[in-house]
């Protein structure tokens, strides 16, 4: 059972598919003999742990990381042993899903401050004066 904080969502282990493969990571000759790379698959479309609104939010944020069947595939071969790579996959999954399900902060509309408006106006007039000074003497305007 995986718990996703701060949403308090529990995903049963039956929704995950774990497979192992030969790792490309460290391990010397052991790499050629032991399947230490962990591959975690979880189907977003078929999960019953998330409501429709959370599924839609996760799909919007994770859409480019999903397969066409809706599987989220996470791999880990950082460590030399299967158990730590499996734990690393679950940690990556928790971090990814909790960030995908986080509600985006509402934007507060703000106005530019009076000082910033004044500085922008001064910069604009300074720039205008600089451009006007480049012209021919007869065409130059002195305001």
Protein backbone atom coordinates (compact mmCIF):
# COMPACT_ATOMS: atom_id res chain seq x y z
CA UNK A 1 0.00 0.00 0.00
CA UNK A 2 1.46 3.33 -1.11
CA UNK A 3 0.37 6.51 0.66
CA UNK A 4 0.52 9.80 -1.26
CA UNK A 5 0.96 12.85 0.97
CA UNK A 6 -0.56 15.44 1.51
CA UNK A 7 -3.58 14.03 -0.33
CA UNK A 8 -3.93 10.97 1.94
CA UNK A 9 -4.49 8.74 -1.09
CA UNK A 10 -3.80 5.05 -0.67
CA UNK A 11 -2.89 2.99 -3.71
CA UNK A 12 -3.01 -0.79 -3.19
CA UNK A 13 -0.02 -2.90 -4.19
CA UNK A 14 -2.22 -4.83 -6.64
CA UNK A 15 -2.26 -1.78 -8.98
CA UNK A 16 1.52 -1.92 -9.44
CA UNK A 17 3.44 -4.18 -11.76
CA UNK A 18 7.09 -4.71 -10.85
CA UNK A 19 9.58 -6.31 -13.19
CA UNK A 20 13.33 -6.63 -13.07
CA UNK A 21 15.98 -6.47 -15.76
CA UNK A 22 19.75 -6.49 -16.04
CA UNK A 23 21.14 -3.22 -14.87
CA UNK A 24 23.54 -0.96 -16.71
CA UNK A 25 24.69 0.56 -13.44
CA UNK A 26 27.60 -0.31 -11.16
CA UNK A 27 28.26 -3.89 -10.11
CA UNK A 28 31.16 -5.34 -12.08
CA UNK A 29 30.61 -8.92 -13.22
CA UNK A 30 27.48 -9.01 -11.09
CA UNK A 31 25.75 -6.81 -13.69
CA UNK A 32 25.86 -9.63 -16.22
CA UNK A 33 24.30 -12.18 -13.87
CA UNK A 34 21.68 -10.46 -11.70
CA UNK A 35 18.49 -8.64 -12.62
CA UNK A 36 18.90 -5.66 -10.31
CA UNK A 37 17.19 -2.92 -12.36
CA UNK A 38 13.64 -2.34 -11.10
CA UNK A 39 10.84 -1.28 -13.46
CA UNK A 40 7.57 -0.08 -11.92
CA UNK A 41 4.39 0.24 -14.00
CA UNK A 42 1.16 1.86 -12.81
CA UNK A 43 -1.87 2.47 -15.00
CA UNK A 44 -3.49 5.86 -14.46
CA UNK A 45 -6.53 5.08 -16.61
CA UNK A 46 -7.48 1.90 -14.72
CA UNK A 47 -6.74 2.99 -11.14
CA UNK A 48 -9.63 3.10 -8.72
CA UNK A 49 -7.66 4.98 -6.06
CA UNK A 50 -8.10 8.39 -7.66
CA UNK A 51 -11.33 10.26 -8.33
CA UNK A 52 -12.12 11.68 -11.75
CA UNK A 53 -10.88 15.18 -10.84
CA UNK A 54 -7.54 13.85 -9.56
CA UNK A 55 -7.17 11.59 -12.61
CA UNK A 56 -7.74 14.58 -14.89
CA UNK A 57 -5.17 16.67 -13.01
CA UNK A 58 -2.63 13.81 -13.08
CA UNK A 59 -3.26 13.25 -16.79
CA UNK A 60 -2.71 16.93 -17.52
CA UNK A 61 0.59 16.99 -15.64
CA UNK A 62 1.90 13.51 -16.49
CA UNK A 63 0.48 13.16 -20.01
CA UNK A 64 3.84 13.19 -21.79
CA UNK A 65 5.27 10.58 -19.39
CA UNK A 66 2.46 8.05 -19.91
CA UNK A 67 2.40 5.28 -22.49
CA UNK A 68 -0.49 5.09 -24.94
CA UNK A 69 -2.17 2.54 -22.63
CA UNK A 70 -1.93 5.00 -19.71
CA UNK A 71 0.98 3.35 -17.90
CA UNK A 72 3.42 5.41 -15.90
CA UNK A 73 6.78 3.63 -16.14
CA UNK A 74 9.49 4.35 -13.58
CA UNK A 75 12.91 2.68 -13.65
CA UNK A 76 15.78 2.60 -11.22
CA UNK A 77 19.24 1.08 -11.52
CA UNK A 78 21.09 3.44 -9.16
CA UNK A 79 21.93 0.69 -6.69
CA UNK A 80 23.55 -2.72 -6.97
CA UNK A 81 20.69 -4.65 -5.42
CA UNK A 82 17.09 -5.23 -6.42
CA UNK A 83 15.50 -4.25 -3.12
CA UNK A 84 16.99 -0.76 -2.97
CA UNK A 85 16.15 -0.16 -6.65
CA UNK A 86 12.56 -1.23 -5.98
CA UNK A 87 12.34 1.15 -3.00
CA UNK A 88 13.83 3.91 -5.16
CA UNK A 89 11.12 3.31 -7.80
CA UNK A 90 8.39 3.68 -5.19
CA UNK A 91 9.99 6.85 -3.79
CA UNK A 92 10.18 8.33 -7.30
CA UNK A 93 6.54 7.35 -7.89
CA UNK A 94 5.37 8.99 -4.65
CA UNK A 95 7.24 12.22 -5.40
CA UNK A 96 6.02 12.33 -9.01
CA UNK A 97 2.37 11.64 -8.22
CA UNK A 98 2.19 13.98 -5.23
CA UNK A 99 3.63 16.84 -7.29
CA UNK A 100 1.26 16.03 -10.17
CA UNK A 101 -1.77 16.03 -7.86
CA UNK A 102 -0.84 19.25 -6.07
CA UNK A 103 -3.32 22.04 -6.61
CA UNK A 104 -1.82 24.94 -8.54
CA UNK A 105 -1.72 28.16 -6.54
CA UNK A 106 -4.22 30.78 -7.59
CA UNK A 107 -2.57 33.83 -9.09
CA UNK A 108 -3.22 37.05 -7.26
CA UNK A 109 -3.58 39.99 -9.60
CA UNK A 110 -1.24 42.82 -8.76
CA UNK A 111 -0.70 46.30 -10.11
CA UNK A 112 2.71 47.76 -10.78
CA UNK A 113 3.73 50.03 -7.92
CA UNK A 114 3.62 53.79 -8.37
CA UNK A 115 7.42 53.94 -8.15
CA UNK A 116 7.89 51.29 -10.84
CA UNK A 117 5.45 53.12 -13.14
CA UNK A 118 7.40 56.37 -12.59
CA UNK A 119 10.74 54.66 -13.29
CA UNK A 120 9.36 53.05 -16.46
CA UNK A 121 8.13 56.44 -17.68
CA UNK A 122 11.52 58.04 -16.93
CA UNK A 123 13.35 55.24 -18.75
CA UNK A 124 11.05 55.64 -21.73
CA UNK A 125 11.59 59.41 -21.93
CA UNK A 126 15.36 58.97 -21.51
CA UNK A 127 15.35 56.43 -24.35
CA UNK A 128 13.26 58.80 -26.49
CA UNK A 129 15.69 61.67 -25.87
CA UNK A 130 18.62 59.44 -26.82
CA UNK A 131 16.92 58.48 -30.10
CA UNK A 132 15.97 62.10 -30.88
CA UNK A 133 19.59 63.21 -30.34
CA UNK A 134 20.74 60.87 -33.11
CA UNK A 135 18.76 62.70 -35.79
CA UNK A 136 20.00 65.53 -38.03
CA UNK A 137 20.17 68.99 -36.47
CA UNK A 138 17.15 70.32 -38.40
CA UNK A 139 14.98 67.35 -37.56
CA UNK A 140 15.84 67.17 -33.87
CA UNK A 141 13.10 68.13 -31.54
CA UNK A 142 13.90 69.70 -28.22
CA UNK A 143 10.92 69.23 -25.96
